[in-house]
Protein backbone atom coordinates (compact mmCIF):
# COMPACT_ATOMS: atom_id res chain seq x y z
CA MET A 1 0.34 -9.04 -15.07
CA THR A 2 -1.47 -11.74 -13.17
CA ASN A 3 -5.26 -11.59 -13.34
CA PHE A 4 -6.08 -10.22 -9.88
CA GLN A 5 -9.75 -11.14 -10.22
CA ALA A 6 -8.75 -14.79 -9.85
CA PHE A 7 -7.84 -14.21 -6.19
CA LYS A 8 -10.67 -14.72 -3.73
CA GLN A 9 -9.08 -14.15 -0.31
CA PRO A 10 -10.54 -11.30 1.73
CA ILE A 11 -8.21 -8.33 1.95
CA PRO A 12 -7.38 -7.12 5.46
CA GLU A 13 -7.80 -3.35 5.71
CA ILE A 14 -6.48 -0.54 7.88
CA SER A 15 -8.36 2.75 8.29
CA VAL A 16 -6.54 6.02 7.72
CA ASP A 17 -7.02 6.85 11.42
CA ASP A 18 -5.36 3.58 12.43
CA LEU A 19 -2.58 4.17 9.90
CA ALA A 20 -1.92 7.63 11.35
CA ASN A 21 -1.72 6.12 14.84
CA ARG A 22 0.67 3.39 13.66
CA LEU A 23 2.89 5.95 11.90
CA ALA A 24 2.90 8.16 15.01
CA VAL A 25 4.31 5.40 17.23
CA GLY A 26 7.07 4.54 14.77
CA LYS A 27 7.33 2.68 11.52
CA GLU A 28 10.45 0.62 12.19
CA ASP A 29 8.49 -2.62 12.18
CA LEU A 30 6.29 -1.71 9.18
CA GLN A 31 6.80 -2.27 5.46
CA LEU A 32 5.09 0.65 3.72
CA VAL A 33 4.36 0.35 0.00
CA ASP A 34 2.75 2.97 -2.25
CA VAL A 35 1.71 1.54 -5.63
CA ARG A 36 0.87 4.89 -7.27
CA GLU A 37 2.79 6.35 -10.19
CA PRO A 38 5.77 8.69 -9.54
CA GLN A 39 3.82 11.67 -10.92
CA GLU A 40 1.10 10.97 -8.33
CA LEU A 41 3.68 10.90 -5.53
CA ALA A 42 4.90 14.30 -6.70
CA LEU A 43 1.39 15.63 -5.97
CA ALA A 44 0.83 13.95 -2.59
CA SER A 45 2.74 11.44 -0.49
CA LEU A 46 3.39 10.14 3.00
CA SER A 47 6.93 9.81 4.27
CA GLY A 48 8.28 6.32 4.76
CA PHE A 49 6.33 4.66 1.95
CA GLU A 50 8.40 2.91 -0.70
CA ASN A 51 7.16 3.51 -4.22
CA LEU A 52 6.46 0.36 -6.21
CA PRO A 53 4.15 1.47 -9.06
CA LEU A 54 1.58 -1.11 -10.02
CA SER A 55 2.31 -0.31 -13.69
CA GLU A 56 5.89 -1.59 -13.22
CA PHE A 57 4.77 -4.67 -11.36
CA ALA A 58 5.42 -7.15 -14.20
CA GLU A 59 9.13 -6.31 -14.38
CA ARG A 60 9.60 -5.86 -10.62
CA SER A 61 7.57 -8.77 -9.25
CA GLY A 62 10.66 -10.97 -8.98
CA GLU A 63 12.32 -8.63 -6.49
CA ILE A 64 9.35 -8.45 -4.10
CA GLN A 65 10.36 -11.59 -2.17
CA THR A 66 13.92 -10.30 -1.70
CA ARG A 67 13.03 -6.68 -0.85
CA PHE A 68 10.23 -7.41 1.61
CA ASP A 69 9.78 -9.79 4.52
CA PRO A 70 6.66 -11.89 3.84
CA HIS A 71 5.91 -12.08 7.58
CA ALA A 72 6.35 -8.42 8.50
CA GLU A 73 3.33 -6.12 8.64
CA THR A 74 2.99 -4.70 5.14
CA ILE A 75 0.72 -1.71 4.55
CA VAL A 76 -0.15 -0.92 0.93
CA MET A 77 -1.57 2.39 -0.27
CA CYS A 78 -2.69 4.04 -3.50
CA HIS A 79 -4.99 6.94 -4.40
CA HIS A 80 -8.36 5.45 -3.39
CA GLY A 81 -7.59 1.83 -2.41
CA ILE A 82 -8.26 -0.09 -5.64
CA ARG A 83 -4.72 -0.60 -6.96
CA SER A 84 -3.42 -1.26 -3.45
CA ALA A 85 -6.13 -3.91 -2.99
CA GLN A 86 -4.85 -5.60 -6.15
CA MET A 87 -1.30 -5.57 -4.80
CA CYS A 88 -2.52 -6.92 -1.44
CA GLN A 89 -4.26 -9.83 -3.17
CA TRP A 90 -1.07 -10.66 -5.06
CA LEU A 91 1.09 -10.43 -1.92
CA ILE A 92 -1.29 -12.73 -0.02
CA ALA A 93 -1.15 -15.22 -2.90
CA GLN A 94 2.67 -15.09 -2.67
CA GLY A 95 2.60 -16.08 1.00
CA PHE A 96 2.67 -12.68 2.69
CA THR A 97 0.94 -13.22 6.04
CA ASN A 98 0.34 -9.70 7.39
CA VAL A 99 -0.83 -7.44 4.56
CA LYS A 100 -3.23 -4.51 4.97
CA ASN A 101 -4.86 -2.24 2.41
CA VAL A 102 -5.29 1.44 3.34
CA THR A 103 -9.05 2.03 3.11
CA GLY A 104 -9.68 5.03 0.86
CA GLY A 105 -6.00 5.53 0.08
CA ILE A 106 -4.12 8.80 0.36
CA ASP A 107 -7.25 10.69 -0.67
CA ALA A 108 -9.05 9.55 2.50
CA TYR A 109 -5.90 10.23 4.54
CA SER A 110 -5.95 13.82 3.31
CA ILE A 111 -9.66 14.24 4.13
CA VAL A 112 -9.69 12.53 7.53
CA VAL A 113 -6.19 12.84 8.97
CA ASP A 114 -4.05 15.52 7.32
CA PRO A 115 -5.71 18.19 5.15
CA THR A 116 -2.29 19.66 4.31
CA ILE A 117 -1.75 16.69 1.97
CA PRO A 118 -3.01 17.88 -1.42
CA ARG A 119 -5.95 16.09 -3.01
CA TYR A 120 -5.97 15.34 -6.72
């Protein structure tokens, strides 16, 4: 995998409150990516997010440009926001122009927005 530390661009972020508001008004114009592992999604997930585990990134990186529009708003989430920040940095380096990292990940979403989502 590419060394993510080499990227220096600031990562745009979206709070879990703002994410909840965006999801409430419709997600047709959003690209939602969850970079957690499948076993993590089995514990807690948000509907509409496409799973693209960071651990599989090396073999799947070639399909990113064909599966996702680099100019559409792309929201990336993980457990706490670290792995998704890494994916955001890579997407920005690949020319994606509207990428946002979910601050605090699904854990923060569970605490702040929807306590019915299990924490792990």
